[in-house]
């Protein structure tokens, strides 16, 4: 009886020591925590020509070569047709516009619709929803030297 108690105590002692050693080694292996990166808004400077959007109600765009950006933020109507330098960035938050693209009706017809008609409907929906060009939020604008070709 005495022998079985001593064995039980040794087993309990071994269990406690192993458990403590495992916990201590697990704490040492954790990588040091880094402070969270600050989310400062990124400021971007771009130059190009301001143009009125092609579709009604699409606002204004900045065109530089083959790149086109939809402008929001500061009113840029006084700079249409002029070369400008704008300072700004991407929109503050994600904005979800519209629902199913191109439409619930076109999506439901899937395989039974002519592929050319489906592609046209998708292109029309992109123009209507204003998703054709990426958005650039303008903070400041100033005219610069140069001309814009139409």
N, C-alpha and C. Protein backbone atom coordinates (compact mmCIF):
# COMPACT_ATOMS: atom_id res chain seq x y z
N UNK A 1 0.81 -1.18 0.00
CA UNK A 1 0.00 0.00 0.00
C UNK A 1 0.87 1.26 0.00
N UNK A 2 1.86 1.25 0.84
CA UNK A 2 2.78 2.38 0.92
C UNK A 2 3.53 2.55 -0.40
N UNK A 3 3.89 1.45 -0.99
CA UNK A 3 4.61 1.49 -2.26
C UNK A 3 3.73 2.08 -3.37
N UNK A 4 2.48 1.73 -3.41
CA UNK A 4 1.59 2.26 -4.44
C UNK A 4 1.35 3.76 -4.25
N UNK A 5 1.30 4.24 -3.02
CA UNK A 5 1.15 5.68 -2.77
C UNK A 5 2.38 6.44 -3.25
N UNK A 6 3.54 5.88 -3.01
CA UNK A 6 4.77 6.55 -3.43
C UNK A 6 4.85 6.60 -4.96
N UNK A 7 4.43 5.54 -5.59
CA UNK A 7 4.44 5.50 -7.06
C UNK A 7 3.47 6.55 -7.60
N UNK A 8 2.31 6.64 -7.00
CA UNK A 8 1.31 7.62 -7.43
C UNK A 8 1.83 9.05 -7.25
N UNK A 9 2.51 9.31 -6.14
CA UNK A 9 3.07 10.65 -5.90
C UNK A 9 4.14 10.97 -6.93
N UNK A 10 5.01 10.01 -7.25
CA UNK A 10 6.03 10.24 -8.26
C UNK A 10 5.42 10.49 -9.63
N UNK A 11 4.41 9.71 -9.95
CA UNK A 11 3.73 9.92 -11.23
C UNK A 11 3.07 11.29 -11.29
N UNK A 12 2.45 11.71 -10.21
CA UNK A 12 1.82 13.02 -10.15
C UNK A 12 2.88 14.12 -10.27
N UNK A 13 4.01 13.94 -9.59
CA UNK A 13 5.10 14.92 -9.65
C UNK A 13 5.66 15.00 -11.08
N UNK A 14 5.85 13.87 -11.72
CA UNK A 14 6.35 13.85 -13.09
C UNK A 14 5.35 14.54 -14.03
N UNK A 15 4.07 14.29 -13.84
CA UNK A 15 3.03 14.91 -14.66
C UNK A 15 3.06 16.44 -14.50
N UNK A 16 3.17 16.94 -13.29
CA UNK A 16 3.19 18.38 -13.04
C UNK A 16 4.44 19.01 -13.67
N UNK A 17 5.58 18.36 -13.52
CA UNK A 17 6.83 18.89 -14.08
C UNK A 17 6.74 18.94 -15.61
N UNK A 18 6.26 17.88 -16.24
CA UNK A 18 6.15 17.86 -17.70
C UNK A 18 5.15 18.91 -18.20
N UNK A 19 4.05 19.07 -17.51
CA UNK A 19 3.05 20.06 -17.90
C UNK A 19 3.62 21.47 -17.78
N UNK A 20 4.34 21.75 -16.72
CA UNK A 20 4.96 23.08 -16.53
C UNK A 20 6.02 23.33 -17.59
N UNK A 21 6.82 22.34 -17.92
CA UNK A 21 7.87 22.50 -18.92
C UNK A 21 7.26 22.75 -20.30
N UNK A 22 6.19 22.07 -20.62
CA UNK A 22 5.52 22.26 -21.91
C UNK A 22 4.94 23.66 -22.02
N UNK A 23 4.31 24.13 -20.94
CA UNK A 23 3.73 25.47 -20.95
C UNK A 23 4.83 26.53 -21.08
N UNK A 24 5.94 26.35 -20.40
CA UNK A 24 7.03 27.32 -20.46
C UNK A 24 7.65 27.36 -21.86
N UNK A 25 7.83 26.21 -22.48
CA UNK A 25 8.42 26.21 -23.82
C UNK A 25 7.46 26.80 -24.85
N UNK A 26 6.16 26.62 -24.67
CA UNK A 26 5.18 27.20 -25.59
C UNK A 26 5.19 28.72 -25.50
N UNK A 27 5.38 29.27 -24.32
CA UNK A 27 5.44 30.72 -24.17
C UNK A 27 6.70 31.29 -24.81
N UNK A 28 7.79 30.58 -24.77
CA UNK A 28 9.04 31.07 -25.33
C UNK A 28 9.03 31.03 -26.85
N UNK A 29 8.27 30.14 -27.46
CA UNK A 29 8.28 29.98 -28.91
C UNK A 29 7.38 30.97 -29.63
N UNK A 30 6.53 31.71 -28.93
CA UNK A 30 5.66 32.66 -29.58
C UNK A 30 6.48 33.82 -30.12
N UNK A 31 6.24 34.24 -31.36
CA UNK A 31 6.98 35.36 -31.91
C UNK A 31 6.61 36.65 -31.17
N UNK A 32 7.54 37.59 -31.10
CA UNK A 32 7.22 38.85 -30.41
C UNK A 32 6.13 39.59 -31.17
N UNK A 33 5.24 40.18 -30.43
CA UNK A 33 4.13 40.90 -31.06
C UNK A 33 4.62 42.24 -31.56
N UNK A 34 4.27 42.54 -32.82
CA UNK A 34 4.65 43.80 -33.41
C UNK A 34 3.50 44.78 -33.26
N UNK A 35 3.80 46.05 -33.07
CA UNK A 35 2.72 47.02 -32.96
C UNK A 35 1.96 47.08 -34.29
N UNK A 36 0.64 47.28 -34.25
CA UNK A 36 -0.13 47.32 -35.49
C UNK A 36 0.31 48.50 -36.35
N UNK A 37 0.38 48.24 -37.64
CA UNK A 37 0.80 49.29 -38.58
C UNK A 37 -0.26 50.38 -38.62
N UNK A 38 0.18 51.61 -38.55
CA UNK A 38 -0.78 52.70 -38.60
C UNK A 38 -1.32 52.82 -40.02
N UNK A 39 -2.61 53.05 -40.11
CA UNK A 39 -3.25 53.15 -41.42
C UNK A 39 -3.39 54.62 -41.80
N UNK A 40 -2.29 55.18 -42.27
CA UNK A 40 -2.32 56.56 -42.72
C UNK A 40 -2.81 56.58 -44.16
N UNK A 41 -3.67 57.54 -44.48
CA UNK A 41 -4.13 57.61 -45.86
C UNK A 41 -2.96 57.93 -46.79
N UNK A 42 -2.91 57.24 -47.90
CA UNK A 42 -1.85 57.44 -48.87
C UNK A 42 -2.22 58.60 -49.79
N UNK A 43 -1.29 59.52 -49.97
CA UNK A 43 -1.52 60.65 -50.86
C UNK A 43 -0.80 60.37 -52.18
N UNK A 44 -1.53 60.53 -53.26
CA UNK A 44 -0.99 60.28 -54.59
C UNK A 44 -1.12 61.56 -55.41
N UNK A 45 -0.09 61.87 -56.18
CA UNK A 45 -0.12 63.03 -57.08
C UNK A 45 -0.10 62.51 -58.51
N UNK A 46 -1.05 62.98 -59.31
CA UNK A 46 -1.14 62.57 -60.71
C UNK A 46 -1.34 63.80 -61.57
N UNK A 47 -1.00 63.67 -62.83
CA UNK A 47 -1.26 64.77 -63.78
C UNK A 47 -1.93 64.18 -65.01
N UNK A 48 -2.71 65.02 -65.67
CA UNK A 48 -3.41 64.59 -66.87
C UNK A 48 -4.43 65.63 -67.27
N UNK A 49 -5.32 65.25 -68.15
CA UNK A 49 -6.34 66.16 -68.67
C UNK A 49 -7.70 65.82 -68.08
N UNK A 50 -8.40 66.84 -67.63
CA UNK A 50 -9.74 66.65 -67.08
C UNK A 50 -10.73 66.69 -68.23
N UNK A 51 -11.63 65.71 -68.26
CA UNK A 51 -12.66 65.65 -69.29
C UNK A 51 -14.00 65.35 -68.66
N UNK A 52 -15.05 65.78 -69.34
CA UNK A 52 -16.40 65.45 -68.90
C UNK A 52 -16.65 64.00 -69.25
N UNK A 53 -17.31 63.26 -68.35
CA UNK A 53 -17.61 61.86 -68.60
C UNK A 53 -18.44 61.68 -69.85
N UNK A 54 -18.23 60.54 -70.54
CA UNK A 54 -18.92 60.30 -71.81
C UNK A 54 -20.41 60.06 -71.62
N UNK A 55 -20.79 59.28 -70.60
CA UNK A 55 -22.20 58.99 -70.36
C UNK A 55 -22.78 60.07 -69.45
N UNK A 56 -24.06 60.37 -69.59
CA UNK A 56 -24.68 61.38 -68.74
C UNK A 56 -24.61 60.95 -67.26
N UNK A 57 -24.30 61.90 -66.42
CA UNK A 57 -24.26 61.63 -64.98
C UNK A 57 -23.03 60.90 -64.49
N UNK A 58 -22.00 60.75 -65.32
CA UNK A 58 -20.81 60.04 -64.88
C UNK A 58 -19.75 60.96 -64.30
N UNK A 59 -19.99 62.27 -64.31
CA UNK A 59 -19.05 63.20 -63.71
C UNK A 59 -17.88 63.50 -64.61
N UNK A 60 -16.69 63.59 -63.99
CA UNK A 60 -15.48 63.98 -64.70
C UNK A 60 -14.41 62.90 -64.58
N UNK A 61 -13.53 62.88 -65.58
CA UNK A 61 -12.45 61.89 -65.58
C UNK A 61 -11.11 62.59 -65.78
N UNK A 62 -10.05 61.93 -65.33
CA UNK A 62 -8.69 62.38 -65.58
C UNK A 62 -8.08 61.37 -66.54
N UNK A 63 -7.57 61.87 -67.66
CA UNK A 63 -6.99 61.00 -68.68
C UNK A 63 -5.51 61.33 -68.84
N UNK A 64 -4.68 60.29 -68.76
CA UNK A 64 -3.25 60.43 -69.01
C UNK A 64 -2.84 59.22 -69.82
N UNK A 65 -2.60 59.42 -71.11
CA UNK A 65 -2.27 58.30 -71.99
C UNK A 65 -3.48 57.39 -72.12
N UNK A 66 -3.31 56.13 -71.74
CA UNK A 66 -4.42 55.18 -71.82
C UNK A 66 -5.11 55.00 -70.48
N UNK A 67 -4.62 55.66 -69.44
CA UNK A 67 -5.23 55.52 -68.10
C UNK A 67 -6.34 56.53 -67.93
N UNK A 68 -7.46 56.06 -67.39
CA UNK A 68 -8.61 56.92 -67.12
C UNK A 68 -9.04 56.69 -65.68
N UNK A 69 -9.26 57.78 -64.94
CA UNK A 69 -9.72 57.71 -63.56
C UNK A 69 -10.97 58.56 -63.41
N UNK A 70 -11.96 58.03 -62.70
CA UNK A 70 -13.18 58.77 -62.40
C UNK A 70 -12.89 59.65 -61.19
N UNK A 71 -13.12 60.97 -61.32
CA UNK A 71 -12.77 61.91 -60.26
C UNK A 71 -13.95 62.19 -59.34
N UNK A 72 -13.70 62.15 -58.04
CA UNK A 72 -14.68 62.53 -57.04
C UNK A 72 -14.00 63.45 -56.05
N UNK A 73 -14.78 64.05 -55.17
CA UNK A 73 -14.19 64.94 -54.16
C UNK A 73 -14.35 66.39 -54.58
N UNK A 74 -13.25 67.09 -54.79
CA UNK A 74 -13.24 68.51 -55.13
C UNK A 74 -13.90 68.71 -56.50
N UNK A 75 -14.62 69.82 -56.65
CA UNK A 75 -15.27 70.15 -57.92
C UNK A 75 -14.21 70.51 -58.96
N UNK A 76 -14.21 69.80 -60.08
CA UNK A 76 -13.19 69.99 -61.11
C UNK A 76 -13.76 70.58 -62.40
N UNK A 77 -15.02 71.02 -62.40
CA UNK A 77 -15.65 71.46 -63.65
C UNK A 77 -14.96 72.67 -64.28
N UNK A 78 -14.31 73.51 -63.48
CA UNK A 78 -13.61 74.67 -64.04
C UNK A 78 -12.34 74.29 -64.80
N UNK A 79 -11.90 73.03 -64.67
CA UNK A 79 -10.65 72.60 -65.27
C UNK A 79 -10.86 71.67 -66.48
N UNK A 80 -12.08 71.56 -66.98
CA UNK A 80 -12.37 70.68 -68.11
C UNK A 80 -11.58 71.15 -69.33
N UNK A 81 -10.88 70.21 -69.98
CA UNK A 81 -10.10 70.52 -71.17
C UNK A 81 -8.72 71.07 -70.87
N UNK A 82 -8.36 71.14 -69.60
CA UNK A 82 -7.04 71.67 -69.22
C UNK A 82 -6.19 70.58 -68.60
N UNK A 83 -4.88 70.76 -68.70
CA UNK A 83 -3.93 69.84 -68.08
C UNK A 83 -3.75 70.27 -66.63
N UNK A 84 -3.88 69.32 -65.71
CA UNK A 84 -3.84 69.64 -64.28
C UNK A 84 -2.97 68.65 -63.51
N UNK A 85 -2.63 69.04 -62.30
CA UNK A 85 -1.98 68.14 -61.35
C UNK A 85 -2.94 68.01 -60.18
N UNK A 86 -3.30 66.78 -59.85
CA UNK A 86 -4.24 66.56 -58.75
C UNK A 86 -3.56 65.77 -57.64
N UNK A 87 -3.97 66.07 -56.44
CA UNK A 87 -3.47 65.38 -55.25
C UNK A 87 -4.68 64.75 -54.58
N UNK A 88 -4.55 63.48 -54.23
CA UNK A 88 -5.65 62.78 -53.59
C UNK A 88 -5.29 61.34 -53.35
N UNK A 89 -6.28 60.49 -53.43
CA UNK A 89 -6.05 59.07 -53.19
C UNK A 89 -7.27 58.26 -53.53
N UNK A 90 -7.25 57.03 -53.08
CA UNK A 90 -8.39 56.15 -53.32
C UNK A 90 -9.49 56.50 -52.34
N UNK A 91 -10.72 56.10 -52.61
CA UNK A 91 -11.82 56.39 -51.70
C UNK A 91 -11.56 55.80 -50.32
N UNK A 92 -12.16 56.40 -49.31
CA UNK A 92 -11.94 55.96 -47.93
C UNK A 92 -12.48 54.56 -47.66
N UNK A 93 -13.58 54.23 -48.25
CA UNK A 93 -14.17 52.91 -47.99
C UNK A 93 -14.72 52.31 -49.27
N UNK A 94 -14.92 51.04 -49.22
CA UNK A 94 -15.47 50.33 -50.36
C UNK A 94 -16.93 50.71 -50.53
N UNK A 95 -17.31 51.01 -51.74
CA UNK A 95 -18.68 51.39 -52.03
C UNK A 95 -19.27 50.37 -53.00
N UNK A 96 -20.31 49.71 -52.58
CA UNK A 96 -20.96 48.71 -53.42
C UNK A 96 -22.16 49.37 -54.09
N UNK A 97 -22.16 49.33 -55.42
CA UNK A 97 -23.22 49.97 -56.18
C UNK A 97 -23.93 48.91 -57.00
N UNK A 98 -25.25 48.99 -57.01
CA UNK A 98 -26.01 48.09 -57.85
C UNK A 98 -26.22 46.72 -57.24
N UNK A 99 -26.72 45.82 -58.03
CA UNK A 99 -26.98 44.46 -57.58
C UNK A 99 -26.32 43.49 -58.53
N UNK A 100 -27.11 42.59 -59.05
CA UNK A 100 -26.58 41.63 -60.00
C UNK A 100 -26.15 42.34 -61.29
N UNK A 101 -25.02 41.94 -61.80
CA UNK A 101 -24.55 42.54 -63.05
C UNK A 101 -24.54 41.47 -64.12
N UNK A 102 -25.09 41.66 -65.24
CA UNK A 102 -25.69 42.86 -65.76
C UNK A 102 -27.09 43.12 -65.21
N UNK A 103 -27.91 42.13 -65.04
CA UNK A 103 -29.21 42.29 -64.40
C UNK A 103 -29.71 40.90 -64.02
N UNK A 104 -30.71 40.88 -63.17
CA UNK A 104 -31.25 39.59 -62.74
C UNK A 104 -31.83 38.83 -63.93
N UNK A 105 -32.45 39.54 -64.86
CA UNK A 105 -33.06 38.90 -66.02
C UNK A 105 -31.99 38.27 -66.92
N UNK A 106 -30.92 39.01 -67.21
CA UNK A 106 -29.87 38.50 -68.08
C UNK A 106 -29.15 37.34 -67.39
N UNK A 107 -28.92 37.45 -66.08
CA UNK A 107 -28.25 36.38 -65.35
C UNK A 107 -29.09 35.11 -65.33
N UNK A 108 -30.40 35.24 -65.25
CA UNK A 108 -31.27 34.08 -65.20
C UNK A 108 -31.32 33.35 -66.54
N UNK A 109 -31.12 34.08 -67.64
CA UNK A 109 -31.18 33.47 -68.95
C UNK A 109 -29.90 32.75 -69.33
N UNK A 110 -28.85 32.95 -68.60
CA UNK A 110 -27.52 32.37 -68.76
C UNK A 110 -27.27 31.71 -70.10
N UNK A 111 -27.49 30.42 -70.24
CA UNK A 111 -27.12 29.69 -71.45
C UNK A 111 -28.05 29.88 -72.61
N UNK A 112 -29.27 30.35 -72.37
CA UNK A 112 -30.23 30.45 -73.47
C UNK A 112 -30.14 31.78 -74.21
N UNK A 113 -29.26 32.67 -73.78
CA UNK A 113 -29.15 33.99 -74.40
C UNK A 113 -27.98 34.01 -75.38
N UNK A 114 -28.13 34.78 -76.41
CA UNK A 114 -27.06 34.97 -77.39
C UNK A 114 -25.85 35.59 -76.67
N UNK A 115 -24.64 35.02 -76.80
CA UNK A 115 -23.47 35.54 -76.09
C UNK A 115 -23.17 37.01 -76.41
N UNK A 116 -23.40 37.44 -77.63
CA UNK A 116 -23.15 38.84 -77.99
C UNK A 116 -24.10 39.76 -77.23
N UNK A 117 -25.35 39.34 -77.11
CA UNK A 117 -26.34 40.15 -76.39
C UNK A 117 -25.99 40.21 -74.91
N UNK A 118 -25.53 39.11 -74.33
CA UNK A 118 -25.14 39.09 -72.92
C UNK A 118 -23.94 40.01 -72.67
N UNK A 119 -22.97 40.01 -73.59
CA UNK A 119 -21.80 40.87 -73.44
C UNK A 119 -22.19 42.34 -73.53
N UNK A 120 -23.11 42.67 -74.43
CA UNK A 120 -23.58 44.05 -74.56
C UNK A 120 -24.30 44.49 -73.30
N UNK A 121 -25.12 43.62 -72.73
CA UNK A 121 -25.84 43.95 -71.50
C UNK A 121 -24.87 44.18 -70.35
N UNK A 122 -23.81 43.37 -70.28
CA UNK A 122 -22.81 43.53 -69.22
C UNK A 122 -22.07 44.85 -69.38
N UNK A 123 -21.72 45.22 -70.61
CA UNK A 123 -21.02 46.48 -70.85
C UNK A 123 -21.91 47.67 -70.52
N UNK A 124 -23.20 47.58 -70.87
CA UNK A 124 -24.12 48.67 -70.55
C UNK A 124 -24.27 48.82 -69.04
N UNK A 125 -24.32 47.72 -68.31
CA UNK A 125 -24.46 47.77 -66.86
C UNK A 125 -23.23 48.40 -66.23
N UNK A 126 -22.05 48.11 -66.75
CA UNK A 126 -20.82 48.71 -66.20
C UNK A 126 -20.82 50.21 -66.40
N UNK A 127 -21.29 50.67 -67.55
CA UNK A 127 -21.33 52.11 -67.81
C UNK A 127 -22.36 52.79 -66.92
N UNK A 128 -23.53 52.16 -66.73
CA UNK A 128 -24.58 52.74 -65.91
C UNK A 128 -24.15 52.80 -64.45
N UNK A 129 -23.52 51.76 -63.96
CA UNK A 129 -23.11 51.72 -62.55
C UNK A 129 -21.84 52.51 -62.29
N UNK A 130 -21.19 53.02 -63.32
CA UNK A 130 -19.98 53.81 -63.14
C UNK A 130 -18.78 52.97 -62.74
N UNK A 131 -18.79 51.70 -63.08
CA UNK A 131 -17.68 50.83 -62.68
C UNK A 131 -16.62 50.71 -63.76
N UNK A 132 -16.75 51.49 -64.83
CA UNK A 132 -15.82 51.37 -65.93
C UNK A 132 -14.41 51.84 -65.61
N UNK A 133 -14.25 52.87 -64.78
CA UNK A 133 -12.93 53.41 -64.45
C UNK A 133 -12.76 53.45 -62.94
N UNK A 134 -11.54 53.27 -62.46
CA UNK A 134 -11.32 53.34 -61.02
C UNK A 134 -11.54 54.76 -60.50
N UNK A 135 -12.00 54.85 -59.27
CA UNK A 135 -12.29 56.15 -58.66
C UNK A 135 -11.04 56.74 -58.03
N UNK A 136 -10.87 58.04 -58.17
CA UNK A 136 -9.77 58.78 -57.54
C UNK A 136 -10.39 59.95 -56.80
N UNK A 137 -10.20 60.02 -55.49
CA UNK A 137 -10.78 61.08 -54.67
C UNK A 137 -9.81 62.26 -54.65
N UNK A 138 -10.23 63.39 -55.24
CA UNK A 138 -9.39 64.57 -55.38
C UNK A 138 -9.45 65.42 -54.11
N UNK A 139 -8.27 65.78 -53.59
CA UNK A 139 -8.19 66.69 -52.44
C UNK A 139 -7.83 68.10 -52.88
N UNK A 140 -6.95 68.20 -53.88
CA UNK A 140 -6.59 69.52 -54.41
C UNK A 140 -6.26 69.37 -55.89
N UNK A 141 -6.42 70.50 -56.62
CA UNK A 141 -6.18 70.49 -58.05
C UNK A 141 -5.56 71.82 -58.44
N UNK A 142 -4.60 71.78 -59.37
CA UNK A 142 -4.02 73.03 -59.88
C UNK A 142 -3.66 72.83 -61.34
N UNK A 143 -3.83 73.88 -62.15
CA UNK A 143 -3.49 73.77 -63.57
C UNK A 143 -1.97 73.77 -63.74
N UNK A 144 -1.49 73.04 -64.76
CA UNK A 144 -0.07 73.02 -65.08
C UNK A 144 0.10 73.30 -66.57
N UNK A 145 1.34 73.53 -66.96
CA UNK A 145 1.62 73.85 -68.37
C UNK A 145 1.38 72.62 -69.22
N UNK A 146 0.97 72.84 -70.42
CA UNK A 146 0.73 71.75 -71.35
C UNK A 146 -0.66 71.86 -71.93
N UNK A 147 -0.89 71.10 -72.98
CA UNK A 147 -2.21 71.15 -73.60
C UNK A 147 -2.80 69.74 -73.64
N UNK A 148 -4.10 69.74 -73.82
CA UNK A 148 -4.82 68.47 -73.91
C UNK A 148 -5.29 68.28 -75.34
N UNK A 149 -5.11 67.10 -75.87
CA UNK A 149 -5.61 66.78 -77.20
C UNK A 149 -6.96 66.12 -77.05
N UNK A 150 -7.86 66.47 -77.88
CA UNK A 150 -9.22 65.92 -77.78
C UNK A 150 -9.36 64.66 -78.58
